[in-house]
Protein backbone atom coordinates (compact mmCIF):
# COMPACT_ATOMS: atom_id res chain seq x y z
CA MET A 1 0.00 0.00 0.00
CA ARG A 2 2.78 2.39 0.90
CA MET A 3 4.57 1.67 -2.42
CA ILE A 4 1.45 2.53 -4.48
CA PHE A 5 1.07 5.89 -2.72
CA LEU A 6 4.70 6.81 -3.45
CA ALA A 7 4.29 5.94 -7.16
CA THR A 8 1.20 8.13 -7.49
CA VAL A 9 3.01 11.08 -5.94
CA ILE A 10 6.11 10.76 -8.14
CA LEU A 11 4.41 10.21 -11.50
CA PRO A 12 2.21 13.33 -11.66
CA SER A 13 4.99 15.60 -10.40
CA GLY A 14 7.26 14.68 -13.32
CA CYS A 15 4.60 15.40 -15.96
CA GLY A 16 4.02 19.00 -14.98
CA HIS A 17 7.43 20.26 -15.99
CA VAL A 18 7.59 20.24 -19.80
CA THR A 19 9.98 22.61 -21.51
CA ARG A 20 10.19 23.45 -25.18
CA GLN A 21 13.76 23.45 -26.38
CA LEU A 22 14.48 26.03 -29.07
CA PRO A 23 17.32 25.39 -31.49
CA ALA A 24 20.68 26.86 -30.59
CA GLN A 25 21.26 30.27 -32.11
CA PRO A 26 23.28 30.01 -35.31
CA VAL A 27 26.77 31.45 -35.45
CA PRO A 28 27.71 34.35 -37.74
CA PRO A 29 27.20 34.80 -40.65
CA PHE A 30 24.18 32.46 -40.48
CA SER A 31 22.69 34.46 -37.60
CA SER A 32 22.27 37.38 -40.04
CA LEU A 33 20.68 35.26 -42.80
CA SER A 34 16.93 34.78 -42.95
CA LEU A 35 14.08 34.12 -45.34
CA ALA A 36 11.19 36.56 -45.52
CA GLY A 37 8.34 37.53 -47.81
CA CYS A 38 7.43 33.94 -48.59
CA ARG A 39 4.68 33.48 -51.16
CA HIS A 40 2.87 30.24 -51.89
CA TYR A 41 2.01 29.30 -55.46
CA ALA A 42 0.11 26.47 -57.09
CA SER A 43 1.70 23.01 -56.98
CA ASN A 44 2.98 23.66 -53.42
CA ILE A 45 5.89 25.87 -54.55
CA VAL A 46 7.10 28.43 -52.02
CA ASP A 47 9.19 31.43 -53.07
CA CYS A 48 11.09 33.36 -50.34
CA GLN A 49 13.60 36.20 -50.33
CA LEU A 50 16.99 35.40 -48.79
CA GLU A 51 18.03 38.41 -46.68
CA TYR A 52 21.26 39.36 -44.93
CA GLY A 53 21.60 41.84 -42.06
CA THR A 54 19.85 42.93 -38.90
CA GLU A 55 16.52 44.60 -38.23
CA PHE A 56 18.29 47.97 -38.69
CA GLY A 57 19.33 47.25 -42.26
CA ARG A 58 18.68 44.27 -44.49
CA GLN A 59 20.01 43.44 -47.92
CA ARG A 60 18.09 41.11 -50.23
CA LEU A 61 20.30 38.48 -51.81
CA GLY A 62 17.62 37.06 -54.10
CA SER A 63 14.88 34.49 -54.14
CA VAL A 64 14.99 30.82 -53.24
CA GLN A 65 12.31 28.29 -54.05
CA GLN A 66 11.26 25.13 -52.32
CA ILE A 67 8.40 22.70 -52.56
CA GLU A 68 6.14 23.07 -49.50
CA LEU A 69 8.11 24.14 -46.46
CA ALA A 70 7.72 21.80 -43.50
CA THR A 71 5.76 24.34 -41.45
CA GLY A 72 2.93 24.42 -44.00
CA ARG A 73 1.43 27.66 -45.27
CA HIS A 74 3.03 29.93 -42.65
CA THR A 75 4.20 33.14 -44.32
CA GLY A 76 6.40 34.48 -41.51
CA ARG A 77 10.16 34.69 -41.21
CA TYR A 78 12.53 31.74 -41.31
CA GLN A 79 16.01 31.70 -39.77
CA VAL A 80 18.90 30.10 -41.65
CA ALA A 81 20.69 27.64 -39.36
CA SER A 82 23.49 26.48 -41.68
CA CYS A 83 24.44 26.16 -45.35
CA TYR A 84 26.62 23.69 -47.20
CA GLN A 85 27.71 23.52 -50.81
CA ALA A 86 25.81 21.22 -53.14
CA PRO A 87 27.42 19.72 -56.25
CA ARG A 88 27.94 22.29 -58.99
CA ILE A 89 26.83 21.85 -62.56
CA GLN A 90 28.93 24.78 -63.74
CA LYS A 91 32.23 25.06 -61.89
CA GLU A 92 31.99 28.84 -61.59
CA LEU A 93 28.52 28.97 -60.06
CA PRO A 94 27.90 27.69 -56.52
CA ASN A 95 24.82 25.91 -55.22
CA PHE A 96 23.96 25.90 -51.52
CA VAL A 97 21.50 23.89 -49.47
CA CYS A 98 20.52 25.82 -46.35
CA ARG A 99 18.76 24.34 -43.31
CA ILE A 100 16.06 26.65 -41.95
CA TYR A 101 13.70 26.83 -38.99
CA ASP A 102 10.66 28.91 -38.11
CA ALA A 103 11.98 32.02 -36.34
CA ARG A 104 8.97 32.27 -34.00
CA SER A 105 8.37 28.69 -32.97
CA GLY A 106 11.83 27.21 -33.53
CA ALA A 107 10.32 24.32 -35.50
CA ASP A 108 12.48 22.76 -38.17
CA ALA A 109 11.25 23.93 -41.58
CA GLY A 110 13.46 21.78 -43.78
CA SER A 111 15.91 23.16 -46.30
CA VAL A 112 16.03 25.42 -49.35
CA LEU A 113 18.26 25.35 -52.41
CA SER A 114 20.08 28.55 -53.32
CA LYS A 115 21.42 28.77 -56.87
CA GLY A 116 22.29 31.29 -59.55
CA GLY A 117 22.86 34.91 -58.56
CA THR A 118 21.44 34.35 -55.08
CA ALA A 119 24.04 31.64 -54.44
CA VAL A 120 26.86 33.86 -55.77
CA ARG A 121 25.88 36.66 -53.36
CA LEU A 122 25.54 34.13 -50.52
CA ALA A 123 28.97 32.66 -51.33
CA ARG A 124 30.52 36.11 -51.06
CA ILE A 125 28.99 36.56 -47.59
CA LEU A 126 30.24 33.13 -46.54
CA GLY A 127 33.76 34.13 -47.65
CA ASP A 128 34.15 31.90 -50.73
CA ARG A 129 37.36 33.31 -52.26
CA GLU A 130 36.51 31.88 -55.66
CA GLN A 131 33.26 33.85 -55.78
CA ILE A 132 34.80 37.04 -54.40
CA GLN A 133 37.31 37.04 -57.27
CA TYR A 134 34.95 35.69 -59.95
CA ARG A 135 33.97 38.04 -62.78
CA TRP A 136 31.71 36.84 -65.57
CA THR A 137 33.35 36.92 -68.99
CA PRO A 138 31.84 35.76 -72.25
CA ASP A 139 32.99 32.43 -73.61
CA LYS A 140 35.42 33.16 -76.43
CA TRP A 141 34.34 29.96 -78.21
CA SER A 142 30.64 30.73 -78.07
CA ARG A 143 28.81 31.15 -81.38
CA LEU A 144 26.34 33.49 -79.70
CA ARG A 145 27.31 37.13 -80.01
CA ASP A 146 25.48 40.24 -78.86
């Protein structure tokens, strides 16, 4: 009888203390990267603007697209947690896959692919020496001329 009473006292006391663990804050420069202005289109495509900076001044790096972010049709702000390079089709142009989470709730929102001009601007922020020094030049062997 005494053992049953002790078990009923211990069990409910442990259930009352539930904490929600937010993801650790990303380190610079990822702490200054976020997605905002997300718009949902047909076929579950989401288009967001990749931004760099603080609330005092933000610079738009370009748009990134993804198929249905994990948080559904939420149109708020997403925080970039990390980015890593994806295989490149053209050696000169980078591709990045960035992990993101919902800035308000801290819920994992999946990842987005950054390519083209957006990826070049992101690479410069991340300190990619190749992109800092890269200047587009026309292909001298191309048959297409302006």
